[in-house]
Amino acid sequence: MLPSGGRVVEPLAGRHDRTRFDCGSAALDQYLKRHARQDAQRFVAAPFVLVEPPDTRVLGYYTLSASNVDTSQIAQDLAKKLPRYPQLPVTLIGRLAVDARVKGQRLGEFLLMDALHRSLQHAAEISAMAVVVDAKDEAAAAFYRHFDFVPLQASARRLYLPMKTVASLFE
C-alpha cells in the first residue's frame, strides 16, 4: 500500500491553498495557481489536489479530462483488438505534479494510482479504452513508463495505459 499519511485527494476548491505550491516547473506551478480553478468551472479539466487535513496547502495535484485518440496512433497489436472507429475515447491525465517540499515520499505514485482508480470508476459510466498522458519531458515519460504506460506510435512522450491494465491494478 502506498503511504498516504492521512493525506487525501479531493477536487480542487476555493479553500485550498495553492499560493505556496512549487514543484520546480514554472508551467505546472502557474497552471495550479492561475488556471486550474477556471478550467474546473468551465468543465475543461477536473483538477484534484492532495492535502493533509486540516491543512489546506496543496502538496500535489493532477487533472483529468475526457479525450480521444486517432486509431492511427495506437499500436498495431492493440488496434487489432479494438473496434475500427476513427477515434476512440480515453481519459487524459493532463498534468501531475508534487510540491518539491514533499518529494521522495512516493506521492507522485500515490497521485497516479488515485488518478488511475478514478479513471477506471468513471470508465464504467462514460467509456474510455485507455488512460493517456503527454509527458512534458523525458523524466516524466520515464516515470509513466515505470508504471507500464507505453508510447503511442506517433510520439514517444504521448503514452497510454489500456483500461484493462488499469482494471487489473485494482482487482
N, C-alpha and C. Protein backbone atom coordinates (compact mmCIF):
# COMPACT_ATOMS: atom_id res chain seq x y z
N MET A 1 0.85 -1.19 0.00
CA MET A 1 0.00 0.00 0.00
C MET A 1 0.89 1.24 0.00
N LEU A 2 0.48 2.22 -0.74
CA LEU A 2 1.24 3.47 -0.82
C LEU A 2 1.04 4.30 0.44
N PRO A 3 2.06 5.07 0.82
CA PRO A 3 1.94 5.90 2.01
C PRO A 3 1.04 7.11 1.77
N SER A 4 -0.07 7.19 2.50
CA SER A 4 -0.91 8.38 2.38
C SER A 4 -0.69 9.29 3.58
N GLY A 5 -0.33 8.71 4.73
CA GLY A 5 -0.03 9.52 5.91
C GLY A 5 -1.16 10.44 6.31
N GLY A 6 -2.40 10.00 6.15
CA GLY A 6 -3.53 10.84 6.50
C GLY A 6 -3.88 11.86 5.42
N ARG A 7 -3.17 11.80 4.32
CA ARG A 7 -3.42 12.73 3.22
C ARG A 7 -4.59 12.23 2.38
N VAL A 8 -5.30 13.17 1.78
CA VAL A 8 -6.44 12.82 0.94
C VAL A 8 -6.37 13.55 -0.39
N VAL A 9 -6.97 12.95 -1.39
CA VAL A 9 -7.09 13.57 -2.70
C VAL A 9 -8.56 13.97 -2.86
N GLU A 10 -8.76 15.23 -3.23
CA GLU A 10 -10.13 15.74 -3.37
C GLU A 10 -10.18 16.75 -4.51
N PRO A 11 -11.37 17.02 -5.02
CA PRO A 11 -11.49 18.02 -6.08
C PRO A 11 -11.01 19.39 -5.59
N LEU A 12 -10.33 20.11 -6.46
CA LEU A 12 -9.84 21.45 -6.13
C LEU A 12 -11.02 22.35 -5.77
N ALA A 13 -10.88 23.09 -4.68
CA ALA A 13 -11.92 24.02 -4.23
C ALA A 13 -11.26 25.33 -3.81
N GLY A 14 -12.06 26.34 -3.62
CA GLY A 14 -11.56 27.66 -3.25
C GLY A 14 -10.80 27.68 -1.94
N ARG A 15 -11.08 26.76 -1.05
CA ARG A 15 -10.42 26.73 0.26
C ARG A 15 -8.99 26.19 0.22
N HIS A 16 -8.61 25.59 -0.88
CA HIS A 16 -7.26 25.01 -0.98
C HIS A 16 -6.22 26.11 -1.20
N ASP A 17 -5.13 26.01 -0.43
CA ASP A 17 -4.03 26.98 -0.52
C ASP A 17 -3.08 26.55 -1.63
N ARG A 18 -3.16 27.24 -2.75
CA ARG A 18 -2.32 26.94 -3.91
C ARG A 18 -1.13 27.89 -3.99
N THR A 19 -1.11 28.92 -3.17
CA THR A 19 -0.14 30.01 -3.32
C THR A 19 1.29 29.56 -3.08
N ARG A 20 1.51 28.57 -2.22
CA ARG A 20 2.87 28.15 -1.89
C ARG A 20 3.34 26.94 -2.68
N PHE A 21 2.52 26.46 -3.60
CA PHE A 21 2.89 25.27 -4.36
C PHE A 21 4.09 25.55 -5.26
N ASP A 22 5.08 24.69 -5.19
CA ASP A 22 6.29 24.84 -6.01
C ASP A 22 6.84 23.45 -6.30
N CYS A 23 6.62 22.99 -7.53
CA CYS A 23 7.10 21.66 -7.92
C CYS A 23 8.41 21.74 -8.69
N GLY A 24 8.87 22.97 -8.98
CA GLY A 24 10.09 23.13 -9.73
C GLY A 24 9.86 23.37 -11.22
N SER A 25 8.61 23.29 -11.65
CA SER A 25 8.25 23.57 -13.05
C SER A 25 7.33 24.79 -13.04
N ALA A 26 7.82 25.89 -13.59
CA ALA A 26 7.04 27.12 -13.60
C ALA A 26 5.68 26.92 -14.27
N ALA A 27 5.65 26.16 -15.35
CA ALA A 27 4.39 25.95 -16.07
C ALA A 27 3.37 25.20 -15.22
N LEU A 28 3.81 24.16 -14.52
CA LEU A 28 2.90 23.39 -13.66
C LEU A 28 2.47 24.20 -12.44
N ASP A 29 3.40 24.98 -11.88
CA ASP A 29 3.06 25.84 -10.73
C ASP A 29 2.02 26.88 -11.14
N GLN A 30 2.28 27.55 -12.24
CA GLN A 30 1.37 28.62 -12.68
C GLN A 30 0.00 28.08 -13.08
N TYR A 31 -0.02 26.90 -13.66
CA TYR A 31 -1.32 26.31 -14.01
C TYR A 31 -2.17 26.15 -12.75
N LEU A 32 -1.60 25.56 -11.72
CA LEU A 32 -2.36 25.35 -10.49
C LEU A 32 -2.80 26.68 -9.88
N LYS A 33 -1.91 27.64 -9.84
CA LYS A 33 -2.20 28.91 -9.18
C LYS A 33 -3.16 29.79 -9.96
N ARG A 34 -3.09 29.75 -11.29
CA ARG A 34 -3.84 30.72 -12.10
C ARG A 34 -4.97 30.15 -12.95
N HIS A 35 -4.87 28.88 -13.34
CA HIS A 35 -5.81 28.38 -14.34
C HIS A 35 -6.65 27.18 -13.90
N ALA A 36 -6.21 26.44 -12.92
CA ALA A 36 -6.89 25.19 -12.56
C ALA A 36 -8.34 25.41 -12.14
N ARG A 37 -8.59 26.39 -11.30
CA ARG A 37 -9.98 26.65 -10.87
C ARG A 37 -10.85 27.07 -12.04
N GLN A 38 -10.31 27.88 -12.93
CA GLN A 38 -11.08 28.31 -14.10
C GLN A 38 -11.39 27.11 -15.00
N ASP A 39 -10.42 26.24 -15.19
CA ASP A 39 -10.66 25.05 -16.00
C ASP A 39 -11.75 24.18 -15.39
N ALA A 40 -11.75 24.06 -14.06
CA ALA A 40 -12.78 23.28 -13.38
C ALA A 40 -14.15 23.92 -13.56
N GLN A 41 -14.23 25.22 -13.39
CA GLN A 41 -15.51 25.93 -13.52
C GLN A 41 -16.05 25.87 -14.94
N ARG A 42 -15.17 25.79 -15.92
CA ARG A 42 -15.57 25.72 -17.33
C ARG A 42 -15.71 24.28 -17.82
N PHE A 43 -15.48 23.31 -16.94
CA PHE A 43 -15.56 21.89 -17.27
C PHE A 43 -14.57 21.50 -18.36
N VAL A 44 -13.41 22.17 -18.38
CA VAL A 44 -12.35 21.86 -19.33
C VAL A 44 -11.47 20.75 -18.79
N ALA A 45 -11.20 20.78 -17.50
CA ALA A 45 -10.40 19.76 -16.82
C ALA A 45 -10.90 19.65 -15.39
N ALA A 46 -10.70 18.50 -14.80
CA ALA A 46 -11.08 18.27 -13.41
C ALA A 46 -9.80 18.15 -12.58
N PRO A 47 -9.43 19.23 -11.86
CA PRO A 47 -8.22 19.18 -11.02
C PRO A 47 -8.52 18.52 -9.66
N PHE A 48 -7.63 17.66 -9.24
CA PHE A 48 -7.71 17.02 -7.93
C PHE A 48 -6.43 17.34 -7.18
N VAL A 49 -6.56 17.64 -5.89
CA VAL A 49 -5.41 18.05 -5.10
C VAL A 49 -5.19 17.10 -3.92
N LEU A 50 -3.94 16.98 -3.55
CA LEU A 50 -3.53 16.19 -2.40
C LEU A 50 -3.28 17.15 -1.25
N VAL A 51 -3.99 16.93 -0.14
CA VAL A 51 -3.84 17.76 1.05
C VAL A 51 -3.74 16.86 2.28
N GLU A 52 -3.30 17.46 3.37
CA GLU A 52 -3.23 16.74 4.64
C GLU A 52 -4.09 17.49 5.66
N PRO A 53 -5.38 17.11 5.75
CA PRO A 53 -6.30 17.83 6.63
C PRO A 53 -5.79 17.85 8.07
N PRO A 54 -6.04 18.94 8.82
CA PRO A 54 -6.89 20.05 8.44
C PRO A 54 -6.18 21.11 7.58
N ASP A 55 -4.88 20.92 7.33
CA ASP A 55 -4.15 21.87 6.49
C ASP A 55 -4.71 21.82 5.06
N THR A 56 -4.84 22.96 4.44
CA THR A 56 -5.40 23.02 3.08
C THR A 56 -4.33 23.29 2.03
N ARG A 57 -3.05 23.31 2.45
CA ARG A 57 -1.97 23.56 1.49
C ARG A 57 -1.87 22.38 0.52
N VAL A 58 -1.81 22.69 -0.77
CA VAL A 58 -1.74 21.67 -1.81
C VAL A 58 -0.33 21.08 -1.83
N LEU A 59 -0.27 19.75 -1.69
CA LEU A 59 1.00 19.02 -1.72
C LEU A 59 1.28 18.42 -3.09
N GLY A 60 0.23 18.27 -3.87
CA GLY A 60 0.35 17.72 -5.21
C GLY A 60 -0.99 17.83 -5.90
N TYR A 61 -0.99 17.61 -7.21
CA TYR A 61 -2.26 17.66 -7.94
C TYR A 61 -2.15 16.92 -9.26
N TYR A 62 -3.31 16.62 -9.81
CA TYR A 62 -3.40 16.11 -11.17
C TYR A 62 -4.70 16.61 -11.78
N THR A 63 -4.79 16.53 -13.10
CA THR A 63 -6.02 16.88 -13.79
C THR A 63 -6.46 15.71 -14.67
N LEU A 64 -7.77 15.56 -14.79
CA LEU A 64 -8.35 14.56 -15.66
C LEU A 64 -9.31 15.25 -16.63
N SER A 65 -9.40 14.72 -17.82
CA SER A 65 -10.40 15.18 -18.78
C SER A 65 -10.68 14.08 -19.78
N ALA A 66 -11.85 14.17 -20.38
CA ALA A 66 -12.20 13.24 -21.45
C ALA A 66 -11.46 13.67 -22.71
N SER A 67 -11.03 12.69 -23.47
CA SER A 67 -10.32 12.99 -24.70
C SER A 67 -10.55 11.85 -25.68
N ASN A 68 -9.86 11.89 -26.79
CA ASN A 68 -9.91 10.78 -27.73
C ASN A 68 -8.57 10.68 -28.45
N VAL A 69 -8.35 9.52 -29.03
CA VAL A 69 -7.14 9.31 -29.83
C VAL A 69 -7.55 8.78 -31.20
N ASP A 70 -6.80 9.16 -32.19
CA ASP A 70 -6.99 8.61 -33.52
C ASP A 70 -6.49 7.18 -33.51
N THR A 71 -7.26 6.28 -34.08
CA THR A 71 -6.85 4.88 -34.09
C THR A 71 -5.54 4.69 -34.85
N SER A 72 -5.23 5.61 -35.73
CA SER A 72 -3.96 5.52 -36.46
C SER A 72 -2.76 5.71 -35.54
N GLN A 73 -2.98 6.24 -34.33
CA GLN A 73 -1.89 6.46 -33.38
C GLN A 73 -1.67 5.29 -32.44
N ILE A 74 -2.56 4.33 -32.45
CA ILE A 74 -2.50 3.24 -31.48
C ILE A 74 -1.63 2.11 -32.02
N ALA A 75 -0.87 1.51 -31.13
CA ALA A 75 -0.01 0.39 -31.51
C ALA A 75 -0.84 -0.69 -32.21
N GLN A 76 -0.26 -1.31 -33.23
CA GLN A 76 -0.98 -2.27 -34.07
C GLN A 76 -1.56 -3.44 -33.26
N ASP A 77 -0.80 -3.95 -32.29
CA ASP A 77 -1.29 -5.10 -31.53
C ASP A 77 -2.55 -4.75 -30.73
N LEU A 78 -2.64 -3.54 -30.22
CA LEU A 78 -3.84 -3.12 -29.50
C LEU A 78 -4.96 -2.77 -30.49
N ALA A 79 -4.62 -2.10 -31.57
CA ALA A 79 -5.62 -1.67 -32.56
C ALA A 79 -6.38 -2.87 -33.13
N LYS A 80 -5.72 -4.00 -33.26
CA LYS A 80 -6.37 -5.21 -33.79
C LYS A 80 -7.51 -5.67 -32.89
N LYS A 81 -7.44 -5.38 -31.61
CA LYS A 81 -8.43 -5.85 -30.65
C LYS A 81 -9.57 -4.86 -30.44
N LEU A 82 -9.50 -3.71 -31.09
CA LEU A 82 -10.48 -2.65 -30.85
C LEU A 82 -11.39 -2.46 -32.06
N PRO A 83 -12.55 -1.84 -31.83
CA PRO A 83 -13.43 -1.54 -32.96
C PRO A 83 -12.71 -0.64 -33.97
N ARG A 84 -13.12 -0.71 -35.17
CA ARG A 84 -12.48 0.05 -36.25
C ARG A 84 -13.09 1.43 -36.41
N TYR A 85 -13.10 2.19 -35.34
CA TYR A 85 -13.59 3.56 -35.37
C TYR A 85 -12.41 4.49 -35.64
N PRO A 86 -12.64 5.64 -36.23
CA PRO A 86 -11.53 6.56 -36.49
C PRO A 86 -10.93 7.15 -35.21
N GLN A 87 -11.77 7.29 -34.18
CA GLN A 87 -11.30 7.80 -32.89
C GLN A 87 -11.88 6.96 -31.77
N LEU A 88 -11.12 6.85 -30.69
CA LEU A 88 -11.56 6.08 -29.53
C LEU A 88 -11.46 6.94 -28.28
N PRO A 89 -12.40 6.77 -27.34
CA PRO A 89 -12.41 7.58 -26.13
C PRO A 89 -11.33 7.15 -25.14
N VAL A 90 -10.72 8.15 -24.51
CA VAL A 90 -9.70 7.92 -23.48
C VAL A 90 -9.90 8.94 -22.36
N THR A 91 -9.26 8.68 -21.26
CA THR A 91 -9.16 9.67 -20.18
C THR A 91 -7.75 10.23 -20.22
N LEU A 92 -7.65 11.54 -20.19
CA LEU A 92 -6.36 12.22 -20.25
C LEU A 92 -5.95 12.71 -18.87
N ILE A 93 -4.77 12.30 -18.43
CA ILE A 93 -4.15 12.93 -17.26
C ILE A 93 -3.34 14.08 -17.84
N GLY A 94 -3.88 15.28 -17.71
CA GLY A 94 -3.27 16.44 -18.35
C GLY A 94 -2.03 16.94 -17.63
N ARG A 95 -2.08 16.91 -16.32
CA ARG A 95 -0.95 17.38 -15.50
C ARG A 95 -0.88 16.54 -14.24
N LEU A 96 0.32 16.35 -13.73
CA LEU A 96 0.53 15.68 -12.44
C LEU A 96 1.81 16.27 -11.86
N ALA A 97 1.72 16.79 -10.64
CA ALA A 97 2.89 17.42 -10.03
C ALA A 97 2.84 17.28 -8.51
N VAL A 98 4.03 17.25 -7.90
CA VAL A 98 4.17 17.15 -6.45
C VAL A 98 5.05 18.30 -5.99
N ASP A 99 4.65 18.94 -4.89
CA ASP A 99 5.43 20.03 -4.32
C ASP A 99 6.83 19.53 -3.96
N ALA A 100 7.83 20.32 -4.25
CA ALA A 100 9.23 19.94 -4.01
C ALA A 100 9.50 19.64 -2.53
N ARG A 101 8.75 20.27 -1.64
CA ARG A 101 8.98 20.05 -0.20
C ARG A 101 8.60 18.66 0.27
N VAL A 102 7.81 17.94 -0.53
CA VAL A 102 7.41 16.59 -0.14
C VAL A 102 7.86 15.52 -1.14
N LYS A 103 8.78 15.88 -2.02
CA LYS A 103 9.29 14.90 -2.99
C LYS A 103 10.03 13.80 -2.23
N GLY A 104 10.08 12.63 -2.83
CA GLY A 104 10.76 11.49 -2.22
C GLY A 104 9.87 10.69 -1.30
N GLN A 105 8.60 11.04 -1.21
CA GLN A 105 7.67 10.32 -0.34
C GLN A 105 6.69 9.45 -1.13
N ARG A 106 6.98 9.23 -2.42
CA ARG A 106 6.16 8.42 -3.32
C ARG A 106 4.77 9.01 -3.54
N LEU A 107 4.67 10.33 -3.39
CA LEU A 107 3.37 10.97 -3.57
C LEU A 107 2.99 11.08 -5.05
N GLY A 108 3.96 11.13 -5.94
CA GLY A 108 3.65 11.10 -7.36
C GLY A 108 2.98 9.79 -7.73
N GLU A 109 3.52 8.70 -7.20
CA GLU A 109 2.91 7.39 -7.43
C GLU A 109 1.52 7.33 -6.80
N PHE A 110 1.40 7.87 -5.60
CA PHE A 110 0.10 7.90 -4.91
C PHE A 110 -0.93 8.65 -5.75
N LEU A 111 -0.54 9.82 -6.29
CA LEU A 111 -1.45 10.60 -7.13
C LEU A 111 -1.79 9.86 -8.42
N LEU A 112 -0.79 9.23 -9.03
CA LEU A 112 -1.05 8.49 -10.26
C LEU A 112 -2.04 7.36 -10.00
N MET A 113 -1.85 6.59 -8.94
CA MET A 113 -2.76 5.49 -8.64
C MET A 113 -4.18 6.02 -8.37
N ASP A 114 -4.28 7.16 -7.70
CA ASP A 114 -5.59 7.76 -7.46
C ASP A 114 -6.23 8.16 -8.79
N ALA A 115 -5.45 8.76 -9.67
CA ALA A 115 -5.96 9.17 -10.98
C ALA A 115 -6.41 7.96 -11.79
N LEU A 116 -5.63 6.88 -11.75
CA LEU A 116 -6.00 5.67 -12.49
C LEU A 116 -7.27 5.05 -11.92
N HIS A 117 -7.36 5.00 -10.61
CA HIS A 117 -8.55 4.42 -9.97
C HIS A 117 -9.79 5.25 -10.30
N ARG A 118 -9.66 6.55 -10.22
CA ARG A 118 -10.77 7.45 -10.55
C ARG A 118 -11.16 7.29 -12.03
N SER A 119 -10.17 7.15 -12.90
CA SER A 119 -10.43 6.96 -14.33
C SER A 119 -11.18 5.65 -14.58
N LEU A 120 -10.78 4.61 -13.89
CA LEU A 120 -11.44 3.31 -14.03
C LEU A 120 -12.89 3.39 -13.58
N GLN A 121 -13.13 4.04 -12.45
CA GLN A 121 -14.50 4.17 -11.95
C GLN A 121 -15.38 4.89 -12.96
N HIS A 122 -14.87 5.94 -13.55
CA HIS A 122 -15.66 6.72 -14.49
C HIS A 122 -15.79 6.03 -15.85
N ALA A 123 -14.84 5.19 -16.20
CA ALA A 123 -14.91 4.48 -17.47
C ALA A 123 -16.08 3.50 -17.49
N ALA A 124 -16.52 3.08 -16.33
CA ALA A 124 -17.68 2.18 -16.26
C ALA A 124 -18.97 2.91 -16.67
N GLU A 125 -18.98 4.23 -16.50
CA GLU A 125 -20.17 5.02 -16.83
C GLU A 125 -20.01 5.81 -18.13
N ILE A 126 -18.84 6.32 -18.36
CA ILE A 126 -18.54 7.06 -19.59
C ILE A 126 -17.28 6.42 -20.16
N SER A 127 -17.45 5.59 -21.13
CA SER A 127 -16.38 4.73 -21.61
C SER A 127 -15.09 5.47 -21.96
N ALA A 128 -14.00 4.78 -21.67
CA ALA A 128 -12.65 5.19 -22.05
C ALA A 128 -11.85 3.91 -22.18
N MET A 129 -11.19 3.72 -23.30
CA MET A 129 -10.47 2.47 -23.52
C MET A 129 -9.05 2.49 -22.96
N ALA A 130 -8.59 3.69 -22.54
CA ALA A 130 -7.23 3.81 -22.01
C ALA A 130 -7.10 5.12 -21.24
N VAL A 131 -6.00 5.22 -20.51
CA VAL A 131 -5.60 6.48 -19.89
C VAL A 131 -4.38 6.95 -20.67
N VAL A 132 -4.39 8.23 -21.05
CA VAL A 132 -3.33 8.81 -21.86
C VAL A 132 -2.66 9.94 -21.09
N VAL A 133 -1.35 10.07 -21.28
CA VAL A 133 -0.60 11.19 -20.72
C VAL A 133 0.29 11.77 -21.80
N ASP A 134 0.54 13.06 -21.71
CA ASP A 134 1.51 13.73 -22.57
C ASP A 134 2.65 14.17 -21.65
N ALA A 135 3.69 13.37 -21.58
CA ALA A 135 4.81 13.66 -20.68
C ALA A 135 5.53 14.92 -21.14
N LYS A 136 5.81 15.82 -20.19
CA LYS A 136 6.42 17.11 -20.54
C LYS A 136 7.89 17.00 -20.90
N ASP A 137 8.55 15.95 -20.41
CA ASP A 137 9.97 15.76 -20.71
C ASP A 137 10.31 14.28 -20.55
N GLU A 138 11.57 13.94 -20.78
CA GLU A 138 11.97 12.54 -20.72
C GLU A 138 11.86 11.97 -19.31
N ALA A 139 12.12 12.77 -18.28
CA ALA A 139 11.99 12.29 -16.89
C ALA A 139 10.55 11.92 -16.60
N ALA A 140 9.61 12.73 -17.05
CA ALA A 140 8.19 12.43 -16.84
C ALA A 140 7.80 11.18 -17.63
N ALA A 141 8.28 11.05 -18.86
CA ALA A 141 7.99 9.87 -19.66
C ALA A 141 8.52 8.61 -18.96
N ALA A 142 9.70 8.69 -18.39
CA ALA A 142 10.28 7.54 -17.68
C ALA A 142 9.43 7.18 -16.46
N PHE A 143 8.91 8.18 -15.76
CA PHE A 143 8.02 7.94 -14.61
C PHE A 143 6.82 7.12 -15.07
N TYR A 144 6.17 7.52 -16.13
CA TYR A 144 4.98 6.81 -16.61
C TYR A 144 5.33 5.43 -17.17
N ARG A 145 6.46 5.32 -17.87
CA ARG A 145 6.86 4.01 -18.39
C ARG A 145 7.11 3.03 -17.24
N HIS A 146 7.59 3.52 -16.11
CA HIS A 146 7.80 2.68 -14.94
C HIS A 146 6.50 2.00 -14.51
N PHE A 147 5.37 2.63 -14.80
CA PHE A 147 4.06 2.09 -14.44
C PHE A 147 3.36 1.47 -15.64
N ASP A 148 4.16 1.02 -16.60
CA ASP A 148 3.71 0.25 -17.77
C ASP A 148 2.96 1.05 -18.83
N PHE A 149 3.01 2.37 -18.78
CA PHE A 149 2.50 3.15 -19.89
C PHE A 149 3.41 2.89 -21.09
N VAL A 150 2.82 2.84 -22.26
CA VAL A 150 3.59 2.61 -23.48
C VAL A 150 3.32 3.73 -24.47
N PRO A 151 4.30 4.02 -25.32
CA PRO A 151 4.11 5.11 -26.27
C PRO A 151 3.06 4.79 -27.33
N LEU A 152 2.32 5.81 -27.73
CA LEU A 152 1.52 5.70 -28.94
C LEU A 152 2.50 5.81 -30.09
N GLN A 153 2.18 5.32 -31.23
CA GLN A 153 3.12 5.29 -32.34
C GLN A 153 3.63 6.66 -32.75
N ALA A 154 2.79 7.66 -32.69
CA ALA A 154 3.16 8.98 -33.22
C ALA A 154 4.16 9.73 -32.35
N SER A 155 4.23 9.45 -31.07
CA SER A 155 5.09 10.23 -30.19
C SER A 155 5.58 9.40 -29.01
N ALA A 156 6.87 9.51 -28.72
CA ALA A 156 7.44 8.78 -27.60
C ALA A 156 7.01 9.35 -26.26
N ARG A 157 6.53 10.60 -26.24
CA ARG A 157 6.10 11.22 -24.98
C ARG A 157 4.60 11.17 -24.78
N ARG A 158 3.85 10.78 -25.78
CA ARG A 158 2.41 10.55 -25.61
C ARG A 158 2.27 9.08 -25.32
N LEU A 159 1.88 8.78 -24.09
CA LEU A 159 1.85 7.40 -23.61
C LEU A 159 0.44 7.02 -23.21
N TYR A 160 0.17 5.73 -23.20
CA TYR A 160 -1.15 5.26 -22.78
C TYR A 160 -1.02 3.98 -21.97
N LEU A 161 -2.06 3.74 -21.19
CA LEU A 161 -2.20 2.52 -20.42
C LEU A 161 -3.62 2.02 -20.68
N PRO A 162 -3.76 0.83 -21.30
CA PRO A 162 -5.10 0.32 -21.59
C PRO A 162 -5.94 0.21 -20.31
N MET A 163 -7.23 0.48 -20.43
CA MET A 163 -8.11 0.43 -19.26
C MET A 163 -8.17 -0.98 -18.68
N LYS A 164 -7.99 -2.00 -19.51
CA LYS A 164 -7.94 -3.37 -18.98
C LYS A 164 -6.76 -3.53 -18.04
N THR A 165 -5.64 -2.92 -18.36
CA THR A 165 -4.47 -2.97 -17.48
C THR A 165 -4.75 -2.20 -16.21
N VAL A 166 -5.39 -1.05 -16.33
CA VAL A 166 -5.76 -0.26 -15.15
C VAL A 166 -6.66 -1.11 -14.26
N ALA A 167 -7.65 -1.77 -14.83
CA ALA A 167 -8.56 -2.60 -14.05
C ALA A 167 -7.81 -3.68 -13.29
N SER A 168 -6.80 -4.27 -13.93
CA SER A 168 -6.05 -5.35 -13.26
C SER A 168 -5.27 -4.84 -12.05
N LEU A 169 -4.94 -3.56 -12.02
CA LEU A 169 -4.24 -2.99 -10.87
C LEU A 169 -5.08 -2.98 -9.60
N PHE A 170 -6.41 -2.96 -9.78
CA PHE A 170 -7.31 -2.79 -8.64
C PHE A 170 -8.18 -4.03 -8.37
N GLU A 171 -7.81 -5.16 -8.97
CA GLU A 171 -8.55 -6.41 -8.72
C GLU A 171 -8.21 -7.00 -7.39
